[in-house]
Amino acid sequence: MPSWVELRDQFDAQLTDQEKLQWLEAQLQAALQEISRQRDGRNVMFYASAFMQKPAAPSYMTMLMMDDINGLMACMHNMTWERNLTLVLHTPGGVPGAANALVEYMHSKFADIEVVVPTFAMSAGTMMALGANRIVMGRQSQLGPIDAQMQTKHGSVSAGAVLETFGRARSEISDNQSMAHLWHPILQSMGPSLIQESGNALEYGEVMVKGWLAKRMFAGRPDAAEKAAAAARHFNATEVHKDHSRRIDRDEARSVELSVESLEDSQPLQEAVLTAYHIMSMNFTVTKAVKIFANHMGVTWQKNA
C-alpha cells in the first residue's frame, strides 16, 4: 500500500489541475474496485465527509443530513442488488433522521450490508454502522455513542445530561426544599419542553438502532431481541460514555456481541480501504468538496463548500 507521502508525491507529479483531479478520480475508483474484488464482487460505495480537513466549514455542510439521500440514490442507481453492499463510511455523524432514511433505503435494496470504518463513524454514523449485518474495523477505527445532542441557546448539550440534571435537581429539592431557589434559574433555562424532547430523542435513537440490530446483526438468534436491546442501550448510555466523542473501539463493540471483523485479517482489503481513505482525504484537502459519495462503477456525487 502506498503511504500518504507516496500518494501525495504521485499527485504532485501531475502537471495541471485537471490532470490532478483526473488522477484522484482514477485512484479512488481503482481502490473501490479492488475492495469489490476482495469482497467477492460486491457493490462498493464510499460515503465520506471533510470534517477533518475543513473544521471551519459550517457543521450542516459536513454532517450527515437529509439531502444525503440524493447522493446515496445517485450512487446506488444501476447497482445489481443481488451483489449486496459494502459501505465504506467516514463521518462525524449528524441528524438521526437522516441516518434512518439512508439505512432504511439501503435495507429496501440489499439483503446483506457490511460497513467498513477506516477511521471514524461517529454518532449518527455509528447508527448507520449498527444498521449493517456486520462491521469491519481496524485498530485505528472507532465508533461513538449515539446519545442525542440537543441544540439550545447555550449550544449543543447531551440529552442524557439534560435528564440527569433534572433528576439530580428533583432529588436534591425533595431532600431539602431550600435547594429549590438554587435550582430555579437552571430549571427555568431548561424548560419542560427540552426535558421532554431530550427523553424523546434518546428513546427514538435507541429504539431505531435496536430494531436494526434485531433485524440484521442478531437475526436468526433466539435471543436477538434481548441482545439488540442490550447493545443499543450500551451505545446510548450517557452515564457510561460521559462524552459524545468518546472512542468505542472494536473490542468494546464486540463486548456487546456485535459482529465485528478485523480489517487486518485481509491485507489486500486493508490496503485497498486505506488507499481509498487517503485518496478521499487528499481530495478534501485540495478541492472545495465537503462531502462525497462514490461507488466502484465510477459514479460520484459531491457537495462543495
C-alpha atoms as a PDB file:
ATOM      1  CA  MET A   1       0.000   0.000   0.000  1.00  0.00           C
ATOM      2  CA  PRO A   2       1.425   3.423  -0.904  1.00  0.00           C
ATOM      3  CA  SER A   3       1.838   5.734   2.057  1.00  0.00           C
ATOM      4  CA  TRP A   4       0.242   9.168   2.308  1.00  0.00           C
ATOM      5  CA  VAL A   5       3.568  10.744   1.314  1.00  0.00           C
ATOM      6  CA  GLU A   6       3.921   8.473  -1.719  1.00  0.00           C
ATOM      7  CA  LEU A   7       0.377   9.228  -2.858  1.00  0.00           C
ATOM      8  CA  ARG A   8       0.970  12.922  -2.381  1.00  0.00           C
ATOM      9  CA  ASP A   9       4.162  12.716  -4.475  1.00  0.00           C
ATOM     10  CA  GLN A  10       2.248  10.962  -7.260  1.00  0.00           C
ATOM     11  CA  PHE A  11      -0.441  13.617  -7.066  1.00  0.00           C
ATOM     12  CA  ASP A  12       2.102  16.461  -7.222  1.00  0.00           C
ATOM     13  CA  ALA A  13       3.693  14.867 -10.299  1.00  0.00           C
ATOM     14  CA  GLN A  14       0.544  15.622 -12.300  1.00  0.00           C
ATOM     15  CA  LEU A  15       1.149  18.775 -14.345  1.00  0.00           C
ATOM     16  CA  THR A  16      -2.206  20.568 -14.491  1.00  0.00           C
ATOM     17  CA  ASP A  17      -5.142  20.971 -12.131  1.00  0.00           C
ATOM     18  CA  GLN A  18      -7.291  18.930 -14.496  1.00  0.00           C
ATOM     19  CA  GLU A  19      -4.742  16.111 -14.515  1.00  0.00           C
ATOM     20  CA  LYS A  20      -4.630  16.185 -10.715  1.00  0.00           C
ATOM     21  CA  LEU A  21      -8.407  15.837 -10.480  1.00  0.00           C
ATOM     22  CA  GLN A  22      -8.424  13.030 -13.034  1.00  0.00           C
ATOM     23  CA  TRP A  23      -5.675  11.257 -11.093  1.00  0.00           C
ATOM     24  CA  LEU A  24      -7.670  11.496  -7.850  1.00  0.00           C
ATOM     25  CA  GLU A  25     -10.787  10.119  -9.538  1.00  0.00           C
ATOM     26  CA  ALA A  26      -8.883   7.265 -11.184  1.00  0.00           C
ATOM     27  CA  GLN A  27      -7.098   6.279  -7.968  1.00  0.00           C
ATOM     28  CA  LEU A  28     -10.312   6.315  -5.933  1.00  0.00           C
ATOM     29  CA  GLN A  29     -12.197   4.221  -8.465  1.00  0.00           C
ATOM     30  CA  ALA A  30      -9.319   1.727  -8.668  1.00  0.00           C
ATOM     31  CA  ALA A  31      -9.295   1.372  -4.876  1.00  0.00           C
ATOM     32  CA  LEU A  32     -13.070   0.873  -4.701  1.00  0.00           C
ATOM     33  CA  GLN A  33     -12.910  -1.698  -7.495  1.00  0.00           C
ATOM     34  CA  GLU A  34     -10.218  -3.555  -5.559  1.00  0.00           C
ATOM     35  CA  ILE A  35     -12.436  -3.564  -2.469  1.00  0.00           C
ATOM     36  CA  SER A  36     -15.181  -5.085  -4.633  1.00  0.00           C
ATOM     37  CA  ARG A  37     -12.789  -7.793  -5.845  1.00  0.00           C
ATOM     38  CA  GLN A  38     -11.700  -8.562  -2.298  1.00  0.00           C
ATOM     39  CA  ARG A  39     -15.339  -8.868  -1.235  1.00  0.00           C
ATOM     40  CA  ASP A  40     -16.363 -11.297  -3.994  1.00  0.00           C
ATOM     41  CA  GLY A  41     -17.738  -8.734  -6.427  1.00  0.00           C
ATOM     42  CA  ARG A  42     -19.993  -6.872  -4.029  1.00  0.00           C
ATOM     43  CA  ASN A  43     -21.231  -3.374  -4.765  1.00  0.00           C
ATOM     44  CA  VAL A  44     -18.994  -0.825  -3.032  1.00  0.00           C
ATOM     45  CA  MET A  45     -19.859   2.708  -2.014  1.00  0.00           C
ATOM     46  CA  PHE A  46     -17.790   5.244  -0.063  1.00  0.00           C
ATOM     47  CA  TYR A  47     -19.600   7.955   1.881  1.00  0.00           C
ATOM     48  CA  ALA A  48     -17.144  10.478   3.330  1.00  0.00           C
ATOM     49  CA  SER A  49     -17.125  13.908   4.930  1.00  0.00           C
ATOM     50  CA  ALA A  50     -14.398  16.572   5.050  1.00  0.00           C
ATOM     51  CA  PHE A  51     -14.961  17.303   8.748  1.00  0.00           C
ATOM     52  CA  MET A  52     -11.273  16.697   9.491  1.00  0.00           C
ATOM     53  CA  GLN A  53      -9.847  18.654   6.559  1.00  0.00           C
ATOM     54  CA  LYS A  54     -12.331  21.555   6.803  1.00  0.00           C
ATOM     55  CA  PRO A  55     -13.079  22.031  10.511  1.00  0.00           C
ATOM     56  CA  ALA A  56     -14.110  25.645   9.900  1.00  0.00           C
ATOM     57  CA  ALA A  57     -16.856  24.663   7.475  1.00  0.00           C
ATOM     58  CA  PRO A  58     -20.409  25.030   8.839  1.00  0.00           C
ATOM     59  CA  SER A  59     -21.384  21.778  10.519  1.00  0.00           C
ATOM     60  CA  TYR A  60     -24.504  21.406   8.369  1.00  0.00           C
ATOM     61  CA  MET A  61     -22.208  21.005   5.349  1.00  0.00           C
ATOM     62  CA  THR A  62     -20.075  18.193   6.748  1.00  0.00           C
ATOM     63  CA  MET A  63     -22.618  16.405   8.931  1.00  0.00           C
ATOM     64  CA  LEU A  64     -24.995  13.638   7.898  1.00  0.00           C
ATOM     65  CA  MET A  65     -28.075  15.489   6.627  1.00  0.00           C
ATOM     66  CA  MET A  66     -31.374  14.693   4.949  1.00  0.00           C
ATOM     67  CA  ASP A  67     -30.182  15.734   1.476  1.00  0.00           C
ATOM     68  CA  ASP A  68     -27.544  12.985   1.607  1.00  0.00           C
ATOM     69  CA  ILE A  69     -30.272  10.663   0.368  1.00  0.00           C
ATOM     70  CA  ASN A  70     -29.688  12.253  -3.057  1.00  0.00           C
ATOM     71  CA  GLY A  71     -26.060  11.134  -3.070  1.00  0.00           C
ATOM     72  CA  LEU A  72     -26.991   7.668  -1.842  1.00  0.00           C
ATOM     73  CA  MET A  73     -29.609   7.195  -4.543  1.00  0.00           C
ATOM     74  CA  ALA A  74     -27.286   8.524  -7.251  1.00  0.00           C
ATOM     75  CA  CYS A  75     -24.567   6.035  -6.329  1.00  0.00           C
ATOM     76  CA  MET A  76     -26.945   3.098  -5.899  1.00  0.00           C
ATOM     77  CA  HIS A  77     -28.553   3.644  -9.301  1.00  0.00           C
ATOM     78  CA  ASN A  78     -27.826   0.731 -11.683  1.00  0.00           C
ATOM     79  CA  MET A  79     -26.289  -1.439  -8.960  1.00  0.00           C
ATOM     80  CA  THR A  80     -27.107  -5.139  -9.041  1.00  0.00           C
ATOM     81  CA  TRP A  81     -28.990  -5.644  -5.772  1.00  0.00           C
ATOM     82  CA  GLU A  82     -28.165  -9.358  -5.539  1.00  0.00           C
ATOM     83  CA  ARG A  83     -24.477  -8.499  -5.120  1.00  0.00           C
ATOM     84  CA  ASN A  84     -25.281  -6.744  -1.827  1.00  0.00           C
ATOM     85  CA  LEU A  85     -23.334  -3.776  -0.493  1.00  0.00           C
ATOM     86  CA  THR A  86     -20.064  -2.849   1.170  1.00  0.00           C
ATOM     87  CA  LEU A  87     -20.353   0.703   2.540  1.00  0.00           C
ATOM     88  CA  VAL A  88     -17.099   2.445   3.452  1.00  0.00           C
ATOM     89  CA  LEU A  89     -18.104   5.083   5.986  1.00  0.00           C
ATOM     90  CA  HIS A  90     -16.274   8.180   7.274  1.00  0.00           C
ATOM     91  CA  THR A  91     -18.468  10.738   9.054  1.00  0.00           C
ATOM     92  CA  PRO A  92     -18.733  12.702  12.297  1.00  0.00           C
ATOM     93  CA  GLY A  93     -22.447  11.939  12.425  1.00  0.00           C
ATOM     94  CA  GLY A  94     -25.360  14.317  12.148  1.00  0.00           C
ATOM     95  CA  VAL A  95     -29.141  14.089  12.063  1.00  0.00           C
ATOM     96  CA  PRO A  96     -30.522  10.738  13.339  1.00  0.00           C
ATOM     97  CA  GLY A  97     -33.481  11.070  10.982  1.00  0.00           C
ATOM     98  CA  ALA A  98     -31.039  11.221   8.058  1.00  0.00           C
ATOM     99  CA  ALA A  99     -29.351   8.034   9.261  1.00  0.00           C
ATOM    100  CA  ASN A 100     -32.785   6.444   9.447  1.00  0.00           C
ATOM    101  CA  ALA A 101     -33.629   7.487   5.882  1.00  0.00           C
ATOM    102  CA  LEU A 102     -30.341   6.207   4.422  1.00  0.00           C
ATOM    103  CA  VAL A 103     -30.331   2.902   6.296  1.00  0.00           C
ATOM    104  CA  GLU A 104     -33.959   2.118   5.537  1.00  0.00           C
ATOM    105  CA  TYR A 105     -33.383   2.832   1.849  1.00  0.00           C
ATOM    106  CA  MET A 106     -30.364   0.511   1.779  1.00  0.00           C
ATOM    107  CA  HIS A 107     -32.362  -2.143   3.632  1.00  0.00           C
ATOM    108  CA  SER A 108     -35.053  -1.925   0.952  1.00  0.00           C
ATOM    109  CA  LYS A 109     -32.492  -2.884  -1.719  1.00  0.00           C
ATOM    110  CA  PHE A 110     -29.873  -5.154  -0.163  1.00  0.00           C
ATOM    111  CA  ALA A 111     -30.276  -8.378   1.814  1.00  0.00           C
ATOM    112  CA  ASP A 112     -26.755  -8.027   3.200  1.00  0.00           C
ATOM    113  CA  ILE A 113     -24.868  -4.841   4.076  1.00  0.00           C
ATOM    114  CA  GLU A 114     -21.430  -4.535   5.624  1.00  0.00           C
ATOM    115  CA  VAL A 115     -19.965  -1.263   6.860  1.00  0.00           C
ATOM    116  CA  VAL A 116     -16.207  -0.680   6.744  1.00  0.00           C
ATOM    117  CA  VAL A 117     -14.861   2.040   9.046  1.00  0.00           C
ATOM    118  CA  PRO A 118     -11.388   3.252   8.004  1.00  0.00           C
ATOM    119  CA  THR A 119     -11.158   5.700  10.935  1.00  0.00           C
ATOM    120  CA  PHE A 120     -14.301   7.470  12.184  1.00  0.00           C
ATOM    121  CA  ALA A 121     -18.023   6.699  12.044  1.00  0.00           C
ATOM    122  CA  MET A 122     -19.399   8.656  14.971  1.00  0.00           C
ATOM    123  CA  SER A 123     -22.836   9.470  16.409  1.00  0.00           C
ATOM    124  CA  ALA A 124     -25.404   9.093  13.595  1.00  0.00           C
ATOM    125  CA  GLY A 125     -22.609   7.422  11.601  1.00  0.00           C
ATOM    126  CA  THR A 126     -22.433   4.795  14.336  1.00  0.00           C
ATOM    127  CA  MET A 127     -26.183   4.371  13.975  1.00  0.00           C
ATOM    128  CA  MET A 128     -25.665   3.613  10.289  1.00  0.00           C
ATOM    129  CA  ALA A 129     -22.958   1.070  11.138  1.00  0.00           C
ATOM    130  CA  LEU A 130     -25.296  -0.589  13.649  1.00  0.00           C
ATOM    131  CA  GLY A 131     -27.831  -0.979  10.856  1.00  0.00           C
ATOM    132  CA  ALA A 132     -25.485  -3.315   8.951  1.00  0.00           C
ATOM    133  CA  ASN A 133     -25.166  -7.088   9.057  1.00  0.00           C
ATOM    134  CA  ARG A 134     -21.565  -6.684  10.224  1.00  0.00           C
ATOM    135  CA  ILE A 135     -18.888  -4.054  10.692  1.00  0.00           C
ATOM    136  CA  VAL A 136     -15.259  -4.187   9.576  1.00  0.00           C
ATOM    137  CA  MET A 137     -12.863  -2.186  11.762  1.00  0.00           C
ATOM    138  CA  GLY A 138      -9.100  -1.759  12.027  1.00  0.00           C
ATOM    139  CA  ARG A 139      -7.047  -0.999  15.108  1.00  0.00           C
ATOM    140  CA  GLN A 140      -7.407   2.696  14.319  1.00  0.00           C
ATOM    141  CA  SER A 141     -11.154   2.595  13.661  1.00  0.00           C
ATOM    142  CA  GLN A 142     -13.717   3.938  16.052  1.00  0.00           C
ATOM    143  CA  LEU A 143     -17.421   4.228  16.589  1.00  0.00           C
ATOM    144  CA  GLY A 144     -19.023   6.529  19.152  1.00  0.00           C
ATOM    145  CA  PRO A 145     -22.018   6.968  21.459  1.00  0.00           C
ATOM    146  CA  ILE A 146     -25.394   7.534  19.819  1.00  0.00           C
ATOM    147  CA  ASP A 147     -26.981   9.614  22.612  1.00  0.00           C
ATOM    148  CA  ALA A 148     -28.881  12.556  21.155  1.00  0.00           C
ATOM    149  CA  GLN A 149     -27.452  16.069  21.243  1.00  0.00           C
ATOM    150  CA  MET A 150     -29.905  18.905  21.840  1.00  0.00           C
ATOM    151  CA  GLN A 151     -29.476  22.376  20.375  1.00  0.00           C
ATOM    152  CA  THR A 152     -30.071  25.129  22.952  1.00  0.00           C
ATOM    153  CA  LYS A 153     -29.235  28.828  23.282  1.00  0.00           C
ATOM    154  CA  HIS A 154     -26.147  27.678  25.169  1.00  0.00           C
ATOM    155  CA  GLY A 155     -25.028  25.426  22.328  1.00  0.00           C
ATOM    156  CA  SER A 156     -25.221  21.670  21.868  1.00  0.00           C
ATOM    157  CA  VAL A 157     -25.891  19.671  25.045  1.00  0.00           C
ATOM    158  CA  SER A 158     -26.306  15.989  25.708  1.00  0.00           C
ATOM    159  CA  ALA A 159     -29.904  14.840  26.015  1.00  0.00           C
ATOM    160  CA  GLY A 160     -28.748  12.374  28.623  1.00  0.00           C
ATOM    161  CA  ALA A 161     -27.091  15.166  30.609  1.00  0.00           C
ATOM    162  CA  VAL A 162     -30.325  17.186  30.498  1.00  0.00           C
ATOM    163  CA  LEU A 163     -32.252  14.299  32.044  1.00  0.00           C
ATOM    164  CA  GLU A 164     -29.501  13.605  34.590  1.00  0.00           C
ATOM    165  CA  THR A 165     -29.505  17.271  35.616  1.00  0.00           C
ATOM    166  CA  PHE A 166     -33.280  17.293  36.038  1.00  0.00           C
ATOM    167  CA  GLY A 167     -33.142  14.065  38.032  1.00  0.00           C
ATOM    168  CA  ARG A 168     -30.458  15.461  40.318  1.00  0.00           C
ATOM    169  CA  ALA A 169     -32.457  18.643  40.860  1.00  0.00           C
ATOM    170  CA  ARG A 170     -35.587  16.706  41.705  1.00  0.00           C
ATOM    171  CA  SER A 171     -33.678  14.531  44.167  1.00  0.00           C
ATOM    172  CA  GLU A 172     -31.929  17.421  45.921  1.00  0.00           C
ATOM    173  CA  ILE A 173     -35.090  19.538  46.171  1.00  0.00           C
ATOM    174  CA  SER A 174     -37.024  16.542  47.504  1.00  0.00           C
ATOM    175  CA  ASP A 175     -34.398  16.055  50.221  1.00  0.00           C
ATOM    176  CA  ASN A 176     -34.063  19.751  51.029  1.00  0.00           C
ATOM    177  CA  GLN A 177     -36.720  22.284  49.974  1.00  0.00           C
ATOM    178  CA  SER A 178     -34.239  25.160  50.464  1.00  0.00           C
ATOM    179  CA  MET A 179     -32.373  23.911  47.386  1.00  0.00           C
ATOM    180  CA  ALA A 180     -35.303  24.962  45.184  1.00  0.00           C
ATOM    181  CA  HIS A 181     -34.140  28.588  44.923  1.00  0.00           C
ATOM    182  CA  LEU A 182     -30.693  27.423  43.773  1.00  0.00           C
ATOM    183  CA  TRP A 183     -32.099  25.133  41.114  1.00  0.00           C
ATOM    184  CA  HIS A 184     -34.823  27.503  39.926  1.00  0.00           C
ATOM    185  CA  PRO A 185     -32.759  29.518  37.379  1.00  0.00           C
ATOM    186  CA  ILE A 186     -31.201  26.344  35.979  1.00  0.00           C
ATOM    187  CA  LEU A 187     -34.503  24.548  35.562  1.00  0.00           C
ATOM    188  CA  GLN A 188     -36.120  27.694  34.173  1.00  0.00           C
ATOM    189  CA  SER A 189     -33.457  27.884  31.452  1.00  0.00           C
ATOM    190  CA  MET A 190     -34.058  24.238  30.551  1.00  0.00           C
ATOM    191  CA  GLY A 191     -37.824  24.446  30.371  1.00  0.00           C
ATOM    192  CA  PRO A 192     -40.249  21.493  30.307  1.00  0.00           C
ATOM    193  CA  SER A 193     -40.097  21.088  26.529  1.00  0.00           C
ATOM    194  CA  LEU A 194     -36.334  20.479  26.496  1.00  0.00           C
ATOM    195  CA  ILE A 195     -36.683  17.778  29.132  1.00  0.00           C
ATOM    196  CA  GLN A 196     -39.468  16.062  27.188  1.00  0.00           C
ATOM    197  CA  GLU A 197     -37.679  16.421  23.855  1.00  0.00           C
ATOM    198  CA  SER A 198     -34.466  15.020  25.342  1.00  0.00           C
ATOM    199  CA  GLY A 199     -36.268  11.914  26.552  1.00  0.00           C
ATOM    200  CA  ASN A 200     -37.980  11.518  23.175  1.00  0.00           C
ATOM    201  CA  ALA A 201     -34.706  11.918  21.259  1.00  0.00           C
ATOM    202  CA  LEU A 202     -32.861   9.350  23.369  1.00  0.00           C
ATOM    203  CA  GLU A 203     -35.697   6.865  23.006  1.00  0.00           C
ATOM    204  CA  TYR A 204     -36.005   7.481  19.254  1.00  0.00           C
ATOM    205  CA  GLY A 205     -32.340   6.672  18.563  1.00  0.00           C
ATOM    206  CA  GLU A 206     -32.221   3.655  20.836  1.00  0.00           C
ATOM    207  CA  VAL A 207     -35.432   2.104  19.521  1.00  0.00           C
ATOM    208  CA  MET A 208     -34.324   2.676  15.923  1.00  0.00           C
ATOM    209  CA  VAL A 209     -30.946   1.008  16.443  1.00  0.00           C
ATOM    210  CA  LYS A 210     -32.440  -1.829  18.485  1.00  0.00           C
ATOM    211  CA  GLY A 211     -34.785  -2.639  15.618  1.00  0.00           C
ATOM    212  CA  TRP A 212     -31.974  -2.684  13.073  1.00  0.00           C
ATOM    213  CA  LEU A 213     -29.769  -4.893  15.247  1.00  0.00           C
ATOM    214  CA  ALA A 214     -32.554  -7.411  15.777  1.00  0.00           C
ATOM    215  CA  LYS A 215     -33.385  -7.386  12.056  1.00  0.00           C
ATOM    216  CA  ARG A 216     -29.801  -7.609  10.765  1.00  0.00           C
ATOM    217  CA  MET A 217     -26.807  -8.250  13.021  1.00  0.00           C
ATOM    218  CA  PHE A 218     -28.565 -10.530  15.515  1.00  0.00           C
ATOM    219  CA  ALA A 219     -31.055 -12.010  13.037  1.00  0.00           C
ATOM    220  CA  GLY A 220     -31.748 -15.727  13.485  1.00  0.00           C
ATOM    221  CA  ARG A 221     -30.680 -15.849  17.135  1.00  0.00           C
ATOM    222  CA  PRO A 222     -33.303 -16.942  19.671  1.00  0.00           C
ATOM    223  CA  ASP A 223     -32.210 -14.085  21.944  1.00  0.00           C
ATOM    224  CA  ALA A 224     -31.994 -11.494  19.147  1.00  0.00           C
ATOM    225  CA  ALA A 225     -34.396  -9.029  20.770  1.00  0.00           C
ATOM    226  CA  GLU A 226     -32.595  -9.133  24.126  1.00  0.00           C
ATOM    227  CA  LYS A 227     -29.116  -8.811  22.606  1.00  0.00           C
ATOM    228  CA  ALA A 228     -30.246  -5.980  20.341  1.00  0.00           C
ATOM    229  CA  ALA A 229     -31.784  -4.108  23.274  1.00  0.00           C
ATOM    230  CA  ALA A 230     -28.625  -4.508  25.385  1.00  0.00           C
ATOM    231  CA  ALA A 231     -26.304  -3.353  22.600  1.00  0.00           C
ATOM    232  CA  ALA A 232     -28.471  -0.353  21.713  1.00  0.00           C
ATOM    233  CA  ARG A 233     -28.673   0.622  25.372  1.00  0.00           C
ATOM    234  CA  HIS A 234     -24.893   0.439  25.721  1.00  0.00           C
ATOM    235  CA  PHE A 235     -24.280   2.795  22.792  1.00  0.00           C
ATOM    236  CA  ASN A 236     -26.961   5.181  24.098  1.00  0.00           C
ATOM    237  CA  ALA A 237     -25.776   5.273  27.720  1.00  0.00           C
ATOM    238  CA  THR A 238     -24.601   8.798  28.564  1.00  0.00           C
ATOM    239  CA  GLU A 239     -23.779   7.689  32.114  1.00  0.00           C
ATOM    240  CA  VAL A 240     -21.338   5.111  30.701  1.00  0.00           C
ATOM    241  CA  HIS A 241     -19.613   7.119  27.972  1.00  0.00           C
ATOM    242  CA  LYS A 242     -19.670  10.568  29.652  1.00  0.00           C
ATOM    243  CA  ASP A 243     -18.700  12.324  26.408  1.00  0.00           C
ATOM    244  CA  HIS A 244     -20.330  12.150  22.974  1.00  0.00           C
ATOM    245  CA  SER A 245     -16.929  11.992  21.261  1.00  0.00           C
ATOM    246  CA  ARG A 246     -15.737   9.014  23.309  1.00  0.00           C
ATOM    247  CA  ARG A 247     -13.951   6.334  21.296  1.00  0.00           C
ATOM    248  CA  ILE A 248     -15.634   2.945  21.052  1.00  0.00           C
ATOM    249  CA  ASP A 249     -13.150   0.527  19.511  1.00  0.00           C
ATOM    250  CA  ARG A 250     -13.805  -2.889  18.026  1.00  0.00           C
ATOM    251  CA  ASP A 251     -13.082  -4.712  21.297  1.00  0.00           C
ATOM    252  CA  GLU A 252     -15.756  -2.732  23.104  1.00  0.00           C
ATOM    253  CA  ALA A 253     -18.142  -3.267  20.187  1.00  0.00           C
ATOM    254  CA  ARG A 254     -17.523  -7.000  20.413  1.00  0.00           C
ATOM    255  CA  SER A 255     -18.137  -6.897  24.169  1.00  0.00           C
ATOM    256  CA  VAL A 256     -21.834  -6.303  23.437  1.00  0.00           C
ATOM    257  CA  GLU A 257     -21.688  -9.134  20.881  1.00  0.00           C
ATOM    258  CA  LEU A 258     -21.711  -7.076  17.704  1.00  0.00           C
ATOM    259  CA  SER A 259     -20.479  -8.845  14.578  1.00  0.00           C
ATOM    260  CA  VAL A 260     -17.150  -7.090  14.002  1.00  0.00           C
ATOM    261  CA  GLU A 261     -14.444  -8.296  11.611  1.00  0.00           C
ATOM    262  CA  SER A 262     -10.833  -7.124  11.801  1.00  0.00           C
ATOM    263  CA  LEU A 263      -9.665  -5.160   8.775  1.00  0.00           C
ATOM    264  CA  GLU A 264      -6.167  -6.596   9.260  1.00  0.00           C
ATOM    265  CA  ASP A 265      -7.434 -10.137   8.599  1.00  0.00           C
ATOM    266  CA  SER A 266      -7.104  -9.411   4.858  1.00  0.00           C
ATOM    267  CA  GLN A 267      -4.019  -7.450   3.848  1.00  0.00           C
ATOM    268  CA  PRO A 268      -5.281  -6.745   0.302  1.00  0.00           C
ATOM    269  CA  LEU A 269      -8.593  -5.456   1.663  1.00  0.00           C
ATOM    270  CA  GLN A 270      -6.852  -3.307   4.251  1.00  0.00           C
ATOM    271  CA  GLU A 271      -4.581  -1.788   1.599  1.00  0.00           C
ATOM    272  CA  ALA A 272      -7.495  -1.011  -0.716  1.00  0.00           C
ATOM    273  CA  VAL A 273      -9.619   0.527   2.063  1.00  0.00           C
ATOM    274  CA  LEU A 274      -6.818   2.705   3.414  1.00  0.00           C
ATOM    275  CA  THR A 275      -5.762   3.776  -0.076  1.00  0.00           C
ATOM    276  CA  ALA A 276      -9.343   4.858  -0.780  1.00  0.00           C
ATOM    277  CA  TYR A 277      -9.388   6.702   2.536  1.00  0.00           C
ATOM    278  CA  HIS A 278      -6.105   8.505   1.786  1.00  0.00           C
ATOM    279  CA  ILE A 279      -7.268   9.495  -1.697  1.00  0.00           C
ATOM    280  CA  MET A 280     -10.572  10.770  -0.328  1.00  0.00           C
ATOM    281  CA  SER A 281      -8.703  12.768   2.338  1.00  0.00           C
ATOM    282  CA  MET A 282      -6.422  14.234  -0.324  1.00  0.00           C
ATOM    283  CA  ASN A 283      -9.443  15.201  -2.408  1.00  0.00           C
ATOM    284  CA  PHE A 284     -10.940  17.082   0.526  1.00  0.00           C
ATOM    285  CA  THR A 285      -7.613  18.832   1.120  1.00  0.00           C
ATOM    286  CA  VAL A 286      -7.126  20.188  -2.400  1.00  0.00           C
ATOM    287  CA  THR A 287     -10.700  20.749  -3.612  1.00  0.00           C
ATOM    288  CA  LYS A 288     -13.821  22.549  -2.339  1.00  0.00           C
ATOM    289  CA  ALA A 289     -15.580  19.249  -1.637  1.00  0.00           C
ATOM    290  CA  VAL A 290     -17.111  18.831   1.824  1.00  0.00           C
ATOM    291  CA  LYS A 291     -18.952  15.570   1.225  1.00  0.00           C
ATOM    292  CA  ILE A 292     -18.631  12.796  -1.352  1.00  0.00           C
ATOM    293  CA  PHE A 293     -20.485   9.625  -2.311  1.00  0.00           C
ATOM    294  CA  ALA A 294     -18.556   7.437  -4.752  1.00  0.00           C
ATOM    295  CA  ASN A 295     -19.015   3.876  -5.988  1.00  0.00           C
ATOM    296  CA  HIS A 296     -16.908   1.198  -7.665  1.00  0.00           C
ATOM    297  CA  MET A 297     -18.561   1.913 -11.039  1.00  0.00           C
ATOM    298  CA  GLY A 298     -17.142   5.418 -11.228  1.00  0.00           C
ATOM    299  CA  VAL A 299     -20.270   7.307 -10.154  1.00  0.00           C
ATOM    300  CA  THR A 300     -19.590  10.269  -7.845  1.00  0.00           C
ATOM    301  CA  TRP A 301     -21.895  12.686  -6.055  1.00  0.00           C
ATOM    302  CA  GLN A 302     -20.105  15.628  -4.478  1.00  0.00           C
ATOM    303  CA  LYS A 303     -21.141  18.604  -2.350  1.00  0.00           C
ATOM    304  CA  ASN A 304     -18.850  21.640  -2.463  1.00  0.00           C
ATOM    305  CA  ALA A 305     -18.411  24.425   0.056  1.00  0.00           C
END
